[in-house]
PDB file of all heavy atoms in Angstrom:
ATOM      1  N   LEU A   1     103.810 126.232 102.184  1.00  0.00           N
ATOM      2  CA  LEU A   1     104.533 124.972 101.985  1.00  0.00           C
ATOM      3  C   LEU A   1     103.533 123.828 101.966  1.00  0.00           C
ATOM      4  O   LEU A   1     102.760 123.654 102.909  1.00  0.00           O
ATOM      5  CB  LEU A   1     105.547 124.748 103.111  1.00  0.00           C
ATOM      6  CG  LEU A   1     106.274 123.393 103.100  1.00  0.00           C
ATOM      7  CD1 LEU A   1     107.187 123.274 101.875  1.00  0.00           C
ATOM      8  CD2 LEU A   1     107.074 123.193 104.388  1.00  0.00           C
ATOM      9  N   MET A   2     103.554 123.045 100.897  1.00  0.00           N
ATOM     10  CA  MET A   2     102.771 121.807 100.845  1.00  0.00           C
ATOM     11  C   MET A   2     103.734 120.683 101.216  1.00  0.00           C
ATOM     12  O   MET A   2     104.737 120.469 100.540  1.00  0.00           O
ATOM     13  CB  MET A   2     102.200 121.592  99.450  1.00  0.00           C
ATOM     14  CG  MET A   2     101.309 120.373  99.318  1.00  0.00           C
ATOM     15  SD  MET A   2     100.741 120.175  97.605  1.00  0.00           S
ATOM     16  CE  MET A   2      99.641 118.770  97.788  1.00  0.00           C
ATOM     17  N   PHE A   3     103.415 119.967 102.303  1.00  0.00           N
ATOM     18  CA  PHE A   3     104.372 119.006 102.845  1.00  0.00           C
ATOM     19  C   PHE A   3     103.648 117.752 103.314  1.00  0.00           C
ATOM     20  O   PHE A   3     102.482 117.807 103.712  1.00  0.00           O
ATOM     21  CB  PHE A   3     105.127 119.643 104.020  1.00  0.00           C
ATOM     22  CG  PHE A   3     106.419 118.956 104.358  1.00  0.00           C
ATOM     23  CD1 PHE A   3     107.516 119.038 103.519  1.00  0.00           C
ATOM     24  CD2 PHE A   3     106.549 118.233 105.537  1.00  0.00           C
ATOM     25  CE1 PHE A   3     108.718 118.408 103.826  1.00  0.00           C
ATOM     26  CE2 PHE A   3     107.739 117.602 105.868  1.00  0.00           C
ATOM     27  CZ  PHE A   3     108.822 117.688 105.004  1.00  0.00           C
ATOM     28  N   SER A   4     104.354 116.622 103.266  1.00  0.00           N
ATOM     29  CA  SER A   4     103.772 115.364 103.746  1.00  0.00           C
ATOM     30  C   SER A   4     103.892 115.321 105.266  1.00  0.00           C
ATOM     31  O   SER A   4     104.997 115.341 105.805  1.00  0.00           O
ATOM     32  CB  SER A   4     104.482 114.160 103.122  1.00  0.00           C
ATOM     33  OG  SER A   4     105.856 114.137 103.456  1.00  0.00           O
ATOM     34  N   VAL A   5     102.758 115.285 105.933  1.00  0.00           N
ATOM     35  CA  VAL A   5     102.731 115.288 107.397  1.00  0.00           C
ATOM     36  C   VAL A   5     101.883 114.120 107.878  1.00  0.00           C
ATOM     37  O   VAL A   5     100.672 114.083 107.658  1.00  0.00           O
ATOM     38  CB  VAL A   5     102.146 116.604 107.954  1.00  0.00           C
ATOM     39  CG1 VAL A   5     102.155 116.581 109.489  1.00  0.00           C
ATOM     40  CG2 VAL A   5     102.912 117.813 107.440  1.00  0.00           C
ATOM     41  N   ASN A   6     102.527 113.158 108.503  1.00  0.00           N
ATOM     42  CA  ASN A   6     101.816 112.069 109.174  1.00  0.00           C
ATOM     43  C   ASN A   6     102.771 111.458 110.195  1.00  0.00           C
ATOM     44  O   ASN A   6     103.987 111.700 110.131  1.00  0.00           O
ATOM     45  CB  ASN A   6     101.275 111.037 108.175  1.00  0.00           C
ATOM     46  CG  ASN A   6     102.359 110.274 107.450  1.00  0.00           C
ATOM     47  OD1 ASN A   6     103.157 109.579 108.077  1.00  0.00           O
ATOM     48  ND2 ASN A   6     102.404 110.400 106.120  1.00  0.00           N
ATOM     49  N   PRO A   7     102.266 110.680 111.149  1.00  0.00           N
ATOM     50  CA  PRO A   7     103.119 110.230 112.253  1.00  0.00           C
ATOM     51  C   PRO A   7     104.230 109.271 111.868  1.00  0.00           C
ATOM     52  O   PRO A   7     105.155 109.081 112.656  1.00  0.00           O
ATOM     53  CB  PRO A   7     102.127 109.562 113.219  1.00  0.00           C
ATOM     54  CG  PRO A   7     100.938 109.237 112.385  1.00  0.00           C
ATOM     55  CD  PRO A   7     100.862 110.314 111.366  1.00  0.00           C
ATOM     56  N   CYS A   8     104.174 108.682 110.695  1.00  0.00           N
ATOM     57  CA  CYS A   8     105.271 107.801 110.276  1.00  0.00           C
ATOM     58  C   CYS A   8     106.312 108.560 109.462  1.00  0.00           C
ATOM     59  O   CYS A   8     107.511 108.419 109.699  1.00  0.00           O
ATOM     60  CB  CYS A   8     104.734 106.596 109.511  1.00  0.00           C
ATOM     61  SG  CYS A   8     103.937 105.393 110.616  1.00  0.00           S
ATOM     62  N   ASP A   9     105.875 109.380 108.501  1.00  0.00           N
ATOM     63  CA  ASP A   9     106.832 110.213 107.773  1.00  0.00           C
ATOM     64  C   ASP A   9     107.636 111.067 108.734  1.00  0.00           C
ATOM     65  O   ASP A   9     108.829 111.311 108.522  1.00  0.00           O
ATOM     66  CB  ASP A   9     106.104 111.127 106.790  1.00  0.00           C
ATOM     67  CG  ASP A   9     105.600 110.385 105.560  1.00  0.00           C
ATOM     68  OD1 ASP A   9     105.676 109.136 105.538  1.00  0.00           O
ATOM     69  OD2 ASP A   9     105.123 111.047 104.620  1.00  0.00           O
ATOM     70  N   ASP A  10     106.988 111.536 109.803  1.00  0.00           N
ATOM     71  CA  ASP A  10     107.655 112.438 110.740  1.00  0.00           C
ATOM     72  C   ASP A  10     108.789 111.778 111.517  1.00  0.00           C
ATOM     73  O   ASP A  10     109.559 112.460 112.193  1.00  0.00           O
ATOM     74  CB  ASP A  10     106.635 113.027 111.723  1.00  0.00           C
ATOM     75  CG  ASP A  10     105.961 114.265 111.167  1.00  0.00           C
ATOM     76  OD1 ASP A  10     106.376 114.739 110.096  1.00  0.00           O
ATOM     77  OD2 ASP A  10     105.014 114.771 111.803  1.00  0.00           O
ATOM     78  N   LEU A  11     108.901 110.467 111.432  1.00  0.00           N
ATOM     79  CA  LEU A  11     109.987 109.763 112.115  1.00  0.00           C
ATOM     80  C   LEU A  11     111.228 109.616 111.246  1.00  0.00           C
ATOM     81  O   LEU A  11     112.304 109.293 111.746  1.00  0.00           O
ATOM     82  CB  LEU A  11     109.518 108.364 112.540  1.00  0.00           C
ATOM     83  CG  LEU A  11     108.444 108.328 113.624  1.00  0.00           C
ATOM     84  CD1 LEU A  11     107.774 106.964 113.643  1.00  0.00           C
ATOM     85  CD2 LEU A  11     109.029 108.639 114.980  1.00  0.00           C
ATOM     86  N   GLN A  12     111.069 109.858 109.946  1.00  0.00           N
ATOM     87  CA  GLN A  12     112.161 109.589 109.022  1.00  0.00           C
ATOM     88  C   GLN A  12     112.948 110.855 108.697  1.00  0.00           C
ATOM     89  O   GLN A  12     112.363 111.915 108.499  1.00  0.00           O
ATOM     90  CB  GLN A  12     111.613 108.973 107.735  1.00  0.00           C
ATOM     91  CG  GLN A  12     110.981 107.618 107.923  1.00  0.00           C
ATOM     92  CD  GLN A  12     111.962 106.566 108.420  1.00  0.00           C
ATOM     93  OE1 GLN A  12     113.164 106.677 108.249  1.00  0.00           O
ATOM     94  NE2 GLN A  12     111.427 105.528 109.053  1.00  0.00           N
ATOM     95  N   PRO A  13     114.269 110.745 108.618  1.00  0.00           N
ATOM     96  CA  PRO A  13     115.095 111.913 108.303  1.00  0.00           C
ATOM     97  C   PRO A  13     114.925 112.357 106.861  1.00  0.00           C
ATOM     98  O   PRO A  13     114.415 111.615 106.019  1.00  0.00           O
ATOM     99  CB  PRO A  13     116.525 111.409 108.556  1.00  0.00           C
ATOM    100  CG  PRO A  13     116.443 109.938 108.354  1.00  0.00           C
ATOM    101  CD  PRO A  13     115.080 109.540 108.838  1.00  0.00           C
ATOM    102  N   GLY A  14     115.365 113.578 106.579  1.00  0.00           N
ATOM    103  CA  GLY A  14     115.244 114.124 105.244  1.00  0.00           C
ATOM    104  C   GLY A  14     116.083 113.362 104.240  1.00  0.00           C
ATOM    105  O   GLY A  14     117.130 112.815 104.573  1.00  0.00           O
ATOM    106  N   GLY A  15     115.631 113.327 103.006  1.00  0.00           N
ATOM    107  CA  GLY A  15     116.361 112.665 101.935  1.00  0.00           C
ATOM    108  C   GLY A  15     115.675 112.940 100.620  1.00  0.00           C
ATOM    109  O   GLY A  15     114.513 113.363 100.586  1.00  0.00           O
ATOM    110  N   GLU A  16     116.373 112.692  99.528  1.00  0.00           N
ATOM    111  CA  GLU A  16     115.829 112.983  98.207  1.00  0.00           C
ATOM    112  C   GLU A  16     114.901 111.886  97.700  1.00  0.00           C
ATOM    113  O   GLU A  16     114.127 112.107  96.783  1.00  0.00           O
ATOM    114  CB  GLU A  16     116.970 113.210  97.216  1.00  0.00           C
ATOM    115  CG  GLU A  16     117.828 114.413  97.572  1.00  0.00           C
ATOM    116  CD  GLU A  16     118.927 114.656  96.550  1.00  0.00           C
ATOM    117  OE1 GLU A  16     118.773 114.213  95.400  1.00  0.00           O
ATOM    118  OE2 GLU A  16     119.931 115.288  96.915  1.00  0.00           O
ATOM    119  N   ASN A  17     114.976 110.688  98.279  1.00  0.00           N
ATOM    120  CA  ASN A  17     114.133 109.588  97.836  1.00  0.00           C
ATOM    121  C   ASN A  17     112.916 109.483  98.743  1.00  0.00           C
ATOM    122  O   ASN A  17     112.969 108.874  99.818  1.00  0.00           O
ATOM    123  CB  ASN A  17     114.931 108.275  97.849  1.00  0.00           C
ATOM    124  CG  ASN A  17     114.081 107.094  97.391  1.00  0.00           C
ATOM    125  OD1 ASN A  17     113.019 107.275  96.793  1.00  0.00           O
ATOM    126  ND2 ASN A  17     114.556 105.896  97.682  1.00  0.00           N
ATOM    127  N   CYS A  18     111.796 110.056  98.302  1.00  0.00           N
ATOM    128  CA  CYS A  18     110.604 110.057  99.150  1.00  0.00           C
ATOM    129  C   CYS A  18     110.016 108.660  99.310  1.00  0.00           C
ATOM    130  O   CYS A  18     109.219 108.424 100.223  1.00  0.00           O
ATOM    131  CB  CYS A  18     109.554 111.023  98.619  1.00  0.00           C
ATOM    132  SG  CYS A  18     108.900 110.603  96.986  1.00  0.00           S
ATOM    133  N   GLU A  19     110.407 107.716  98.458  1.00  0.00           N
ATOM    134  CA  GLU A  19     109.921 106.345  98.606  1.00  0.00           C
ATOM    135  C   GLU A  19     110.358 105.747  99.942  1.00  0.00           C
ATOM    136  O   GLU A  19     109.693 104.872 100.488  1.00  0.00           O
ATOM    137  CB  GLU A  19     110.450 105.468  97.469  1.00  0.00           C
ATOM    138  CG  GLU A  19     109.977 105.868  96.076  1.00  0.00           C
ATOM    139  CD  GLU A  19     108.487 105.684  95.891  1.00  0.00           C
ATOM    140  OE1 GLU A  19     107.931 104.749  96.491  1.00  0.00           O
ATOM    141  OE2 GLU A  19     107.879 106.482  95.156  1.00  0.00           O
ATOM    142  N   SER A  20     111.474 106.234 100.478  1.00  0.00           N
ATOM    143  CA  SER A  20     111.975 105.700 101.743  1.00  0.00           C
ATOM    144  C   SER A  20     111.041 105.997 102.899  1.00  0.00           C
ATOM    145  O   SER A  20     111.076 105.325 103.933  1.00  0.00           O
ATOM    146  CB  SER A  20     113.364 106.282 102.046  1.00  0.00           C
ATOM    147  OG  SER A  20     113.286 107.684 102.258  1.00  0.00           O
ATOM    148  N   LEU A  21     110.167 106.995 102.729  1.00  0.00           N
ATOM    149  CA  LEU A  21     109.260 107.368 103.809  1.00  0.00           C
ATOM    150  C   LEU A  21     108.278 106.250 104.135  1.00  0.00           C
ATOM    151  O   LEU A  21     107.827 106.131 105.270  1.00  0.00           O
ATOM    152  CB  LEU A  21     108.487 108.640 103.447  1.00  0.00           C
ATOM    153  CG  LEU A  21     109.315 109.918 103.321  1.00  0.00           C
ATOM    154  CD1 LEU A  21     108.445 111.062 102.828  1.00  0.00           C
ATOM    155  CD2 LEU A  21     109.977 110.275 104.650  1.00  0.00           C
ATOM    156  N   TRP A  22     107.919 105.473 103.131  1.00  0.00           N
ATOM    157  CA  TRP A  22     106.976 104.372 103.402  1.00  0.00           C
ATOM    158  C   TRP A  22     107.567 102.999 103.076  1.00  0.00           C
ATOM    159  O   TRP A  22     106.847 102.044 102.845  1.00  0.00           O
ATOM    160  CB  TRP A  22     105.656 104.592 102.664  1.00  0.00           C
ATOM    161  CG  TRP A  22     105.755 105.047 101.256  1.00  0.00           C
ATOM    162  CD1 TRP A  22     105.875 104.291 100.147  1.00  0.00           C
ATOM    163  CD2 TRP A  22     105.730 106.398 100.794  1.00  0.00           C
ATOM    164  NE1 TRP A  22     105.929 105.071  99.029  1.00  0.00           N
ATOM    165  CE2 TRP A  22     105.839 106.371  99.386  1.00  0.00           C
ATOM    166  CE3 TRP A  22     105.614 107.632 101.430  1.00  0.00           C
ATOM    167  CZ2 TRP A  22     105.845 107.521  98.606  1.00  0.00           C
ATOM    168  CZ3 TRP A  22     105.635 108.784 100.657  1.00  0.00           C
ATOM    169  CH2 TRP A  22     105.737 108.726  99.276  1.00  0.00           C
ATOM    170  N   ASP A  23     108.867 102.915 103.090  1.00  0.00           N
ATOM    171  CA  ASP A  23     109.539 101.627 102.935  1.00  0.00           C
ATOM    172  C   ASP A  23     109.546 100.917 104.286  1.00  0.00           C
ATOM    173  O   ASP A  23     110.142 101.392 105.247  1.00  0.00           O
ATOM    174  CB  ASP A  23     110.974 101.849 102.446  1.00  0.00           C
ATOM    175  CG  ASP A  23     111.701 100.541 102.136  1.00  0.00           C
ATOM    176  OD1 ASP A  23     111.263  99.486 102.619  1.00  0.00           O
ATOM    177  OD2 ASP A  23     112.714 100.589 101.422  1.00  0.00           O
ATOM    178  N   GLY A  24     108.871  99.783 104.354  1.00  0.00           N
ATOM    179  CA  GLY A  24     108.730  99.067 105.617  1.00  0.00           C
ATOM    180  C   GLY A  24     110.045  98.717 106.290  1.00  0.00           C
ATOM    181  O   GLY A  24     110.116  98.642 107.519  1.00  0.00           O
ATOM    182  N   GLU A  25     111.090  98.525 105.500  1.00  0.00           N
ATOM    183  CA  GLU A  25     112.383  98.172 106.087  1.00  0.00           C
ATOM    184  C   GLU A  25     112.923  99.276 106.989  1.00  0.00           C
ATOM    185  O   GLU A  25     113.660  99.007 107.941  1.00  0.00           O
ATOM    186  CB  GLU A  25     113.397  97.872 104.971  1.00  0.00           C
ATOM    187  CG  GLU A  25     113.096  96.599 104.191  1.00  0.00           C
ATOM    188  CD  GLU A  25     114.186  96.279 103.187  1.00  0.00           C
ATOM    189  OE1 GLU A  25     115.214  96.997 103.181  1.00  0.00           O
ATOM    190  OE2 GLU A  25     114.013  95.303 102.430  1.00  0.00           O
ATOM    191  N   ASN A  26     112.555 100.518 106.696  1.00  0.00           N
ATOM    192  CA  ASN A  26     113.048 101.632 107.504  1.00  0.00           C
ATOM    193  C   ASN A  26     112.378 101.719 108.867  1.00  0.00           C
ATOM    194  O   ASN A  26     112.763 102.551 109.694  1.00  0.00           O
ATOM    195  CB  ASN A  26     112.860 102.954 106.753  1.00  0.00           C
ATOM    196  CG  ASN A  26     113.727 103.045 105.532  1.00  0.00           C
ATOM    197  OD1 ASN A  26     114.800 102.445 105.477  1.00  0.00           O
ATOM    198  ND2 ASN A  26     113.277 103.780 104.523  1.00  0.00           N
ATOM    199  N   TYR A  27     111.357 100.895 109.092  1.00  0.00           N
ATOM    200  CA  TYR A  27     110.644 100.906 110.371  1.00  0.00           C
ATOM    201  C   TYR A  27     110.900  99.637 111.186  1.00  0.00           C
ATOM    202  O   TYR A  27     110.244  99.417 112.202  1.00  0.00           O
ATOM    203  CB  TYR A  27     109.137 101.080 110.126  1.00  0.00           C
ATOM    204  CG  TYR A  27     108.783 102.407 109.504  1.00  0.00           C
ATOM    205  CD1 TYR A  27     108.792 102.572 108.137  1.00  0.00           C
ATOM    206  CD2 TYR A  27     108.460 103.505 110.294  1.00  0.00           C
ATOM    207  CE1 TYR A  27     108.481 103.793 107.551  1.00  0.00           C
ATOM    208  CE2 TYR A  27     108.149 104.723 109.724  1.00  0.00           C
ATOM    209  CZ  TYR A  27     108.159 104.859 108.348  1.00  0.00           C
ATOM    210  OH  TYR A  27     107.846 106.078 107.773  1.00  0.00           O
ATOM    211  N   GLN A  28     111.839  98.813 110.741  1.00  0.00           N
ATOM    212  CA  GLN A  28     112.101  97.568 111.448  1.00  0.00           C
ATOM    213  C   GLN A  28     112.901  97.803 112.725  1.00  0.00           C
ATOM    214  O   GLN A  28     112.732  97.105 113.715  1.00  0.00           O
ATOM    215  CB  GLN A  28     112.849  96.592 110.532  1.00  0.00           C
ATOM    216  CG  GLN A  28     112.015  96.134 109.342  1.00  0.00           C
ATOM    217  CD  GLN A  28     110.670  95.567 109.745  1.00  0.00           C
ATOM    218  OE1 GLN A  28     110.590  94.679 110.614  1.00  0.00           O
ATOM    219  NE2 GLN A  28     109.603  96.072 109.140  1.00  0.00           N
ATOM    220  N   LYS A  29     113.767  98.801 112.694  1.00  0.00           N
ATOM    221  CA  LYS A  29     114.546  99.109 113.900  1.00  0.00           C
ATOM    222  C   LYS A  29     113.680  99.916 114.861  1.00  0.00           C
ATOM    223  O   LYS A  29     112.709 100.550 114.456  1.00  0.00           O
ATOM    224  CB  LYS A  29     115.798  99.909 113.533  1.00  0.00           C
ATOM    225  CG  LYS A  29     115.514 101.259 112.904  1.00  0.00           C
ATOM    226  CD  LYS A  29     116.813 101.945 112.517  1.00  0.00           C
ATOM    227  CE  LYS A  29     116.570 103.340 111.962  1.00  0.00           C
ATOM    228  NZ  LYS A  29     115.738 103.375 110.754  1.00  0.00           N
ATOM    229  N   PRO A  30     113.988  99.907 116.157  1.00  0.00           N
ATOM    230  CA  PRO A  30     113.215 100.707 117.112  1.00  0.00           C
ATOM    231  C   PRO A  30     113.278 102.189 116.752  1.00  0.00           C
ATOM    232  O   PRO A  30     114.340 102.722 116.424  1.00  0.00           O
ATOM    233  CB  PRO A  30     113.918 100.429 118.445  1.00  0.00           C
ATOM    234  CG  PRO A  30     114.614  99.133 118.254  1.00  0.00           C
ATOM    235  CD  PRO A  30     115.038  99.108 116.816  1.00  0.00           C
ATOM    236  N   LEU A  31     112.139 102.845 116.781  1.00  0.00           N
ATOM    237  CA  LEU A  31     112.059 104.264 116.445  1.00  0.00           C
ATOM    238  C   LEU A  31     111.518 105.035 117.642  1.00  0.00           C
ATOM    239  O   LEU A  31     110.524 104.648 118.251  1.00  0.00           O
ATOM    240  CB  LEU A  31     111.151 104.469 115.237  1.00  0.00           C
ATOM    241  CG  LEU A  31     111.683 103.918 113.908  1.00  0.00           C
ATOM    242  CD1 LEU A  31     110.592 103.962 112.847  1.00  0.00           C
ATOM    243  CD2 LEU A  31     112.891 104.709 113.442  1.00  0.00           C
ATOM    244  N   LEU A  32     112.152 106.158 117.938  1.00  0.00           N
ATOM    245  CA  LEU A  32     111.763 106.948 119.107  1.00  0.00           C
ATOM    246  C   LEU A  32     111.753 108.426 118.745  1.00  0.00           C
ATOM    247  O   LEU A  32     112.775 108.984 118.339  1.00  0.00           O
ATOM    248  CB  LEU A  32     112.746 106.716 120.256  1.00  0.00           C
ATOM    249  CG  LEU A  32     112.504 107.503 121.545  1.00  0.00           C
ATOM    250  CD1 LEU A  32     111.209 107.057 122.202  1.00  0.00           C
ATOM    251  CD2 LEU A  32     113.677 107.305 122.518  1.00  0.00           C
ATOM    252  N   ASN A  33     110.581 109.043 118.836  1.00  0.00           N
ATOM    253  CA  ASN A  33     110.411 110.480 118.659  1.00  0.00           C
ATOM    254  C   ASN A  33     110.553 110.964 117.214  1.00  0.00           C
ATOM    255  O   ASN A  33     111.073 110.285 116.343  1.00  0.00           O
ATOM    256  CB  ASN A  33     111.350 111.268 119.576  1.00  0.00           C
ATOM    257  CG  ASN A  33     110.934 111.150 121.028  1.00  0.00           C
ATOM    258  OD1 ASN A  33     109.787 110.839 121.329  1.00  0.00           O
ATOM    259  ND2 ASN A  33     111.860 111.380 121.923  1.00  0.00           N
ATOM    260  N   MET A  34     110.081 112.177 117.016  1.00  0.00           N
ATOM    261  CA  MET A  34     110.048 112.792 115.700  1.00  0.00           C
ATOM    262  C   MET A  34     111.452 113.149 115.219  1.00  0.00           C
ATOM    263  O   MET A  34     112.316 113.523 116.008  1.00  0.00           O
ATOM    264  CB  MET A  34     109.196 114.061 115.767  1.00  0.00           C
ATOM    265  CG  MET A  34     108.989 114.751 114.421  1.00  0.00           C
ATOM    266  SD  MET A  34     108.039 116.287 114.572  1.00  0.00           S
ATOM    267  CE  MET A  34     106.464 115.648 115.156  1.00  0.00           C
ATOM    268  N   ASP A  35     111.664 113.040 113.889  1.00  0.00           N
ATOM    269  CA  ASP A  35     112.927 113.481 113.312  1.00  0.00           C
ATOM    270  C   ASP A  35     113.104 114.965 113.623  1.00  0.00           C
ATOM    271  O   ASP A  35     112.209 115.775 113.344  1.00  0.00           O
ATOM    272  CB  ASP A  35     112.913 113.254 111.803  1.00  0.00           C
ATOM    273  CG  ASP A  35     114.135 113.835 111.142  1.00  0.00           C
ATOM    274  OD1 ASP A  35     115.242 113.365 111.438  1.00  0.00           O
ATOM    275  OD2 ASP A  35     113.981 114.788 110.351  1.00  0.00           O
ATOM    276  N   PRO A  36     114.233 115.353 114.192  1.00  0.00           N
ATOM    277  CA  PRO A  36     114.414 116.750 114.605  1.00  0.00           C
ATOM    278  C   PRO A  36     114.348 117.747 113.453  1.00  0.00           C
ATOM    279  O   PRO A  36     113.950 118.898 113.645  1.00  0.00           O
ATOM    280  CB  PRO A  36     115.795 116.759 115.271  1.00  0.00           C
ATOM    281  CG  PRO A  36     116.465 115.506 114.826  1.00  0.00           C
ATOM    282  CD  PRO A  36     115.376 114.513 114.586  1.00  0.00           C
ATOM    283  N   GLU A  37     114.720 117.318 112.233  1.00  0.00           N
ATOM    284  CA  GLU A  37     114.649 118.241 111.096  1.00  0.00           C
ATOM    285  C   GLU A  37     113.201 118.559 110.740  1.00  0.00           C
ATOM    286  O   GLU A  37     112.880 119.702 110.382  1.00  0.00           O
ATOM    287  CB  GLU A  37     115.364 117.635 109.888  1.00  0.00           C
ATOM    288  CG  GLU A  37     116.872 117.577 110.043  1.00  0.00           C
ATOM    289  CD  GLU A  37     117.558 116.953 108.845  1.00  0.00           C
ATOM    290  OE1 GLU A  37     117.098 115.875 108.397  1.00  0.00           O
ATOM    291  OE2 GLU A  37     118.540 117.534 108.363  1.00  0.00           O
ATOM    292  N   ARG A  38     112.333 117.569 110.824  1.00  0.00           N
ATOM    293  CA  ARG A  38     110.916 117.820 110.537  1.00  0.00           C
ATOM    294  C   ARG A  38     110.289 118.713 111.609  1.00  0.00           C
ATOM    295  O   ARG A  38     109.530 119.636 111.299  1.00  0.00           O
ATOM    296  CB  ARG A  38     110.156 116.497 110.433  1.00  0.00           C
ATOM    297  CG  ARG A  38     110.490 115.746 109.170  1.00  0.00           C
ATOM    298  CD  ARG A  38     109.819 114.378 109.107  1.00  0.00           C
ATOM    299  NE  ARG A  38     110.068 113.806 107.799  1.00  0.00           N
ATOM    300  CZ  ARG A  38     109.262 113.941 106.744  1.00  0.00           C
ATOM    301  NH1 ARG A  38     108.135 114.598 106.874  1.00  0.00           N
ATOM    302  NH2 ARG A  38     109.579 113.420 105.580  1.00  0.00           N
TER     303      ARG A  38
END
């Protein structure tokens, strides 16, 4: 499996739009711990 692995992507839930992984707006709310699916 070739997969994107870094400490910020790992906080975001799965979805079809990979652009959301580095969309700054998705990090404005408090984030705690790794996404359980990842």
